Amino acid sequence: MKKVWHKPLHTRKKWKEMSVGRKVIYYMRPFVENLIEVWLEPLPFPTIFKIFYTCVIIFLFFLMLPILYPIIVVICFYGLLQYFVQSTLQLEFPRGLNIIGFVQYIFALKISNESYEEILKLYMDKYRYGITALASCVDYIRLAITVFWE
């Protein structure tokens, strides 16, 4: 007698009869278990990191990765091509096609007026404090509910 139940599900005869939705659920189980473990971490692990982790995983990897990956690869190779062409042939690329110049501009960007910089810091601090307070509130509510249910 064969012990079929020791085989993984995708090698069993039953796999061919399953619908696509059930197959997706089978392969998504480890991912969902990982997310559940992250959300059940104790209190010192802040909720804001849990929310950020969940949003990045769901949005980036499931929706945007098939679109972003080829675009990033093409941009990186174009940047390498631009670097080698500029260094060997001494050619200048036009402004719309100059990726290296664009990256240098982004990293050299500074706010010229100091009062605008202070206002920006104040707004960023205000929203950072609000998000931190909301995250710790959610943590304490979750802790209270888990203590109550035990």
C-alpha atoms as a PDB file:
ATOM      1  CA  MET A   1       0.000   0.000   0.000  1.00  0.00           C
ATOM      2  CA  LYS A   2       1.363   3.404  -1.007  1.00  0.00           C
ATOM      3  CA  LYS A   3       1.551   6.133   1.557  1.00  0.00           C
ATOM      4  CA  VAL A   4       0.260   8.954  -0.607  1.00  0.00           C
ATOM      5  CA  TRP A   5      -0.259  11.352   2.286  1.00  0.00           C
ATOM      6  CA  HIS A   6       3.507  11.706   2.816  1.00  0.00           C
ATOM      7  CA  LYS A   7       3.978  13.178  -0.663  1.00  0.00           C
ATOM      8  CA  PRO A   8       3.731  16.937  -1.136  1.00  0.00           C
ATOM      9  CA  LEU A   9       0.393  18.023  -2.524  1.00  0.00           C
ATOM     10  CA  HIS A  10       1.772  19.201  -5.873  1.00  0.00           C
ATOM     11  CA  THR A  11       3.101  15.689  -6.632  1.00  0.00           C
ATOM     12  CA  ARG A  12      -0.160  13.891  -5.883  1.00  0.00           C
ATOM     13  CA  LYS A  13      -2.808  12.867  -8.365  1.00  0.00           C
ATOM     14  CA  LYS A  14      -5.246  15.169  -6.595  1.00  0.00           C
ATOM     15  CA  TRP A  15      -3.191  18.222  -7.726  1.00  0.00           C
ATOM     16  CA  LYS A  16      -4.408  17.915 -11.316  1.00  0.00           C
ATOM     17  CA  GLU A  17      -8.029  18.022 -10.200  1.00  0.00           C
ATOM     18  CA  MET A  18      -7.639  21.146  -8.065  1.00  0.00           C
ATOM     19  CA  SER A  19      -8.758  24.546  -9.312  1.00  0.00           C
ATOM     20  CA  VAL A  20      -6.299  27.394  -9.903  1.00  0.00           C
ATOM     21  CA  GLY A  21      -7.584  29.250  -6.841  1.00  0.00           C
ATOM     22  CA  ARG A  22      -6.883  26.302  -4.553  1.00  0.00           C
ATOM     23  CA  LYS A  23      -3.387  25.948  -6.037  1.00  0.00           C
ATOM     24  CA  VAL A  24      -2.712  29.633  -5.343  1.00  0.00           C
ATOM     25  CA  ILE A  25      -3.922  29.181  -1.762  1.00  0.00           C
ATOM     26  CA  TYR A  26      -1.592  26.182  -1.380  1.00  0.00           C
ATOM     27  CA  TYR A  27       1.437  28.206  -2.501  1.00  0.00           C
ATOM     28  CA  MET A  28       0.404  31.322  -0.537  1.00  0.00           C
ATOM     29  CA  ARG A  29       0.157  29.484   2.795  1.00  0.00           C
ATOM     30  CA  PRO A  30       3.847  30.017   3.825  1.00  0.00           C
ATOM     31  CA  PHE A  31       3.606  33.720   2.942  1.00  0.00           C
ATOM     32  CA  VAL A  32       0.446  34.191   5.007  1.00  0.00           C
ATOM     33  CA  GLU A  33       1.946  32.266   7.929  1.00  0.00           C
ATOM     34  CA  ASN A  34       4.985  34.562   7.793  1.00  0.00           C
ATOM     35  CA  LEU A  35       2.752  37.648   7.881  1.00  0.00           C
ATOM     36  CA  ILE A  36       0.794  36.228  10.817  1.00  0.00           C
ATOM     37  CA  GLU A  37       4.041  35.549  12.712  1.00  0.00           C
ATOM     38  CA  VAL A  38       5.185  39.120  12.075  1.00  0.00           C
ATOM     39  CA  TRP A  39       1.903  40.535  13.369  1.00  0.00           C
ATOM     40  CA  LEU A  40       1.995  38.349  16.485  1.00  0.00           C
ATOM     41  CA  GLU A  41       5.448  39.579  17.518  1.00  0.00           C
ATOM     42  CA  PRO A  42       5.485  40.998  21.063  1.00  0.00           C
ATOM     43  CA  LEU A  43       5.154  44.655  21.945  1.00  0.00           C
ATOM     44  CA  PRO A  44       8.715  46.003  21.501  1.00  0.00           C
ATOM     45  CA  PHE A  45       8.403  45.381  17.751  1.00  0.00           C
ATOM     46  CA  PRO A  46       6.483  48.514  16.680  1.00  0.00           C
ATOM     47  CA  THR A  47       3.271  48.324  14.711  1.00  0.00           C
ATOM     48  CA  ILE A  48       4.485  50.919  12.253  1.00  0.00           C
ATOM     49  CA  PHE A  49       7.156  48.444  11.073  1.00  0.00           C
ATOM     50  CA  LYS A  50       4.536  45.710  10.805  1.00  0.00           C
ATOM     51  CA  ILE A  51       2.301  47.938   8.703  1.00  0.00           C
ATOM     52  CA  PHE A  52       5.228  49.050   6.550  1.00  0.00           C
ATOM     53  CA  TYR A  53       6.422  45.462   6.065  1.00  0.00           C
ATOM     54  CA  THR A  54       2.966  44.238   5.102  1.00  0.00           C
ATOM     55  CA  CYS A  55       2.328  47.091   2.664  1.00  0.00           C
ATOM     56  CA  VAL A  56       5.695  46.720   0.981  1.00  0.00           C
ATOM     57  CA  ILE A  57       5.341  42.956   0.609  1.00  0.00           C
ATOM     58  CA  ILE A  58       1.797  43.061  -0.715  1.00  0.00           C
ATOM     59  CA  PHE A  59       2.113  46.086  -2.985  1.00  0.00           C
ATOM     60  CA  LEU A  60       5.642  45.795  -4.300  1.00  0.00           C
ATOM     61  CA  PHE A  61       6.061  42.080  -4.708  1.00  0.00           C
ATOM     62  CA  PHE A  62       2.616  41.121  -5.907  1.00  0.00           C
ATOM     63  CA  LEU A  63       1.534  44.110  -7.951  1.00  0.00           C
ATOM     64  CA  MET A  64       4.587  46.101  -8.972  1.00  0.00           C
ATOM     65  CA  LEU A  65       7.476  43.630  -9.191  1.00  0.00           C
ATOM     66  CA  PRO A  66       6.572  42.234 -12.635  1.00  0.00           C
ATOM     67  CA  ILE A  67       6.427  45.828 -13.907  1.00  0.00           C
ATOM     68  CA  LEU A  68       9.295  47.367 -11.939  1.00  0.00           C
ATOM     69  CA  TYR A  69      11.917  44.661 -12.385  1.00  0.00           C
ATOM     70  CA  PRO A  70      12.350  44.993 -16.182  1.00  0.00           C
ATOM     71  CA  ILE A  71      12.233  48.794 -15.941  1.00  0.00           C
ATOM     72  CA  ILE A  72      14.936  48.872 -13.240  1.00  0.00           C
ATOM     73  CA  VAL A  73      17.131  46.477 -15.207  1.00  0.00           C
ATOM     74  CA  VAL A  74      16.820  48.582 -18.370  1.00  0.00           C
ATOM     75  CA  ILE A  75      17.571  51.819 -16.481  1.00  0.00           C
ATOM     76  CA  CYS A  76      20.633  50.292 -14.780  1.00  0.00           C
ATOM     77  CA  PHE A  77      22.035  48.958 -18.037  1.00  0.00           C
ATOM     78  CA  TYR A  78      21.340  52.264 -19.761  1.00  0.00           C
ATOM     79  CA  GLY A  79      23.212  54.041 -16.952  1.00  0.00           C
ATOM     80  CA  LEU A  80      26.167  51.688 -17.392  1.00  0.00           C
ATOM     81  CA  LEU A  81      26.095  52.246 -21.148  1.00  0.00           C
ATOM     82  CA  GLN A  82      25.961  56.008 -20.630  1.00  0.00           C
ATOM     83  CA  TYR A  83      28.893  55.876 -18.207  1.00  0.00           C
ATOM     84  CA  PHE A  84      31.073  53.857 -20.590  1.00  0.00           C
ATOM     85  CA  VAL A  85      30.157  56.002 -23.604  1.00  0.00           C
ATOM     86  CA  GLN A  86      30.868  59.220 -21.706  1.00  0.00           C
ATOM     87  CA  SER A  87      34.152  57.951 -20.290  1.00  0.00           C
ATOM     88  CA  THR A  88      35.527  56.437 -23.503  1.00  0.00           C
ATOM     89  CA  LEU A  89      34.127  58.613 -26.302  1.00  0.00           C
ATOM     90  CA  GLN A  90      33.810  61.897 -24.362  1.00  0.00           C
ATOM     91  CA  LEU A  91      30.214  62.362 -25.575  1.00  0.00           C
ATOM     92  CA  GLU A  92      27.580  64.327 -23.682  1.00  0.00           C
ATOM     93  CA  PHE A  93      24.060  62.948 -23.566  1.00  0.00           C
ATOM     94  CA  PRO A  94      21.096  65.303 -23.985  1.00  0.00           C
ATOM     95  CA  ARG A  95      19.365  66.425 -20.804  1.00  0.00           C
ATOM     96  CA  GLY A  96      16.356  64.154 -21.262  1.00  0.00           C
ATOM     97  CA  LEU A  97      18.531  61.044 -21.619  1.00  0.00           C
ATOM     98  CA  ASN A  98      21.197  61.885 -19.026  1.00  0.00           C
ATOM     99  CA  ILE A  99      20.530  59.444 -16.168  1.00  0.00           C
ATOM    100  CA  ILE A 100      23.856  60.035 -14.433  1.00  0.00           C
ATOM    101  CA  GLY A 101      23.274  63.803 -14.433  1.00  0.00           C
ATOM    102  CA  PHE A 102      19.750  63.281 -13.076  1.00  0.00           C
ATOM    103  CA  VAL A 103      20.999  61.101 -10.194  1.00  0.00           C
ATOM    104  CA  GLN A 104      23.716  63.639  -9.360  1.00  0.00           C
ATOM    105  CA  TYR A 105      21.105  66.420  -9.354  1.00  0.00           C
ATOM    106  CA  ILE A 106      18.810  64.468  -7.021  1.00  0.00           C
ATOM    107  CA  PHE A 107      21.575  63.776  -4.503  1.00  0.00           C
ATOM    108  CA  ALA A 108      22.854  67.369  -4.635  1.00  0.00           C
ATOM    109  CA  LEU A 109      19.377  68.893  -4.140  1.00  0.00           C
ATOM    110  CA  LYS A 110      19.219  71.294  -1.179  1.00  0.00           C
ATOM    111  CA  ILE A 111      16.619  73.750   0.045  1.00  0.00           C
ATOM    112  CA  SER A 112      17.973  77.236  -0.545  1.00  0.00           C
ATOM    113  CA  ASN A 113      15.870  79.102   2.023  1.00  0.00           C
ATOM    114  CA  GLU A 114      16.538  78.126   5.654  1.00  0.00           C
ATOM    115  CA  SER A 115      13.065  79.119   6.840  1.00  0.00           C
ATOM    116  CA  TYR A 116      11.519  76.624   4.392  1.00  0.00           C
ATOM    117  CA  GLU A 117      13.835  73.961   5.736  1.00  0.00           C
ATOM    118  CA  GLU A 118      12.683  74.639   9.315  1.00  0.00           C
ATOM    119  CA  ILE A 119       9.017  74.522   8.273  1.00  0.00           C
ATOM    120  CA  LEU A 120       9.638  71.223   6.472  1.00  0.00           C
ATOM    121  CA  LYS A 121      11.299  69.777   9.588  1.00  0.00           C
ATOM    122  CA  LEU A 122       8.381  70.909  11.770  1.00  0.00           C
ATOM    123  CA  TYR A 123       5.808  69.302   9.472  1.00  0.00           C
ATOM    124  CA  MET A 124       7.808  66.085   9.256  1.00  0.00           C
ATOM    125  CA  ASP A 125       8.137  65.956  13.060  1.00  0.00           C
ATOM    126  CA  LYS A 126       4.414  66.569  13.504  1.00  0.00           C
ATOM    127  CA  TYR A 127       3.460  63.677  11.246  1.00  0.00           C
ATOM    128  CA  ARG A 128       6.166  61.427  12.692  1.00  0.00           C
ATOM    129  CA  TYR A 129       4.840  61.985  16.224  1.00  0.00           C
ATOM    130  CA  GLY A 130       1.285  61.314  15.097  1.00  0.00           C
ATOM    131  CA  ILE A 131       2.220  58.084  13.347  1.00  0.00           C
ATOM    132  CA  THR A 132       4.280  56.927  16.335  1.00  0.00           C
ATOM    133  CA  ALA A 133       1.409  57.653  18.727  1.00  0.00           C
ATOM    134  CA  LEU A 134      -1.058  55.782  16.518  1.00  0.00           C
ATOM    135  CA  ALA A 135       1.267  52.784  16.205  1.00  0.00           C
ATOM    136  CA  SER A 136       1.907  52.543  19.951  1.00  0.00           C
ATOM    137  CA  CYS A 137      -1.830  52.902  20.611  1.00  0.00           C
ATOM    138  CA  VAL A 138      -2.524  49.953  18.301  1.00  0.00           C
ATOM    139  CA  ASP A 139       0.224  47.962  20.051  1.00  0.00           C
ATOM    140  CA  TYR A 140      -1.253  48.581  23.493  1.00  0.00           C
ATOM    141  CA  ILE A 141      -4.775  47.757  22.326  1.00  0.00           C
ATOM    142  CA  ARG A 142      -3.514  44.501  20.808  1.00  0.00           C
ATOM    143  CA  LEU A 143      -1.654  43.692  24.031  1.00  0.00           C
ATOM    144  CA  ALA A 144      -4.753  44.383  26.116  1.00  0.00           C
ATOM    145  CA  ILE A 145      -6.900  42.167  23.899  1.00  0.00           C
ATOM    146  CA  THR A 146      -4.417  39.279  24.015  1.00  0.00           C
ATOM    147  CA  VAL A 147      -4.157  39.537  27.816  1.00  0.00           C
ATOM    148  CA  PHE A 148      -7.940  39.678  28.075  1.00  0.00           C
ATOM    149  CA  TRP A 149      -8.401  36.543  25.942  1.00  0.00           C
ATOM    150  CA  GLU A 150      -5.878  34.487  27.910  1.00  0.00           C
END
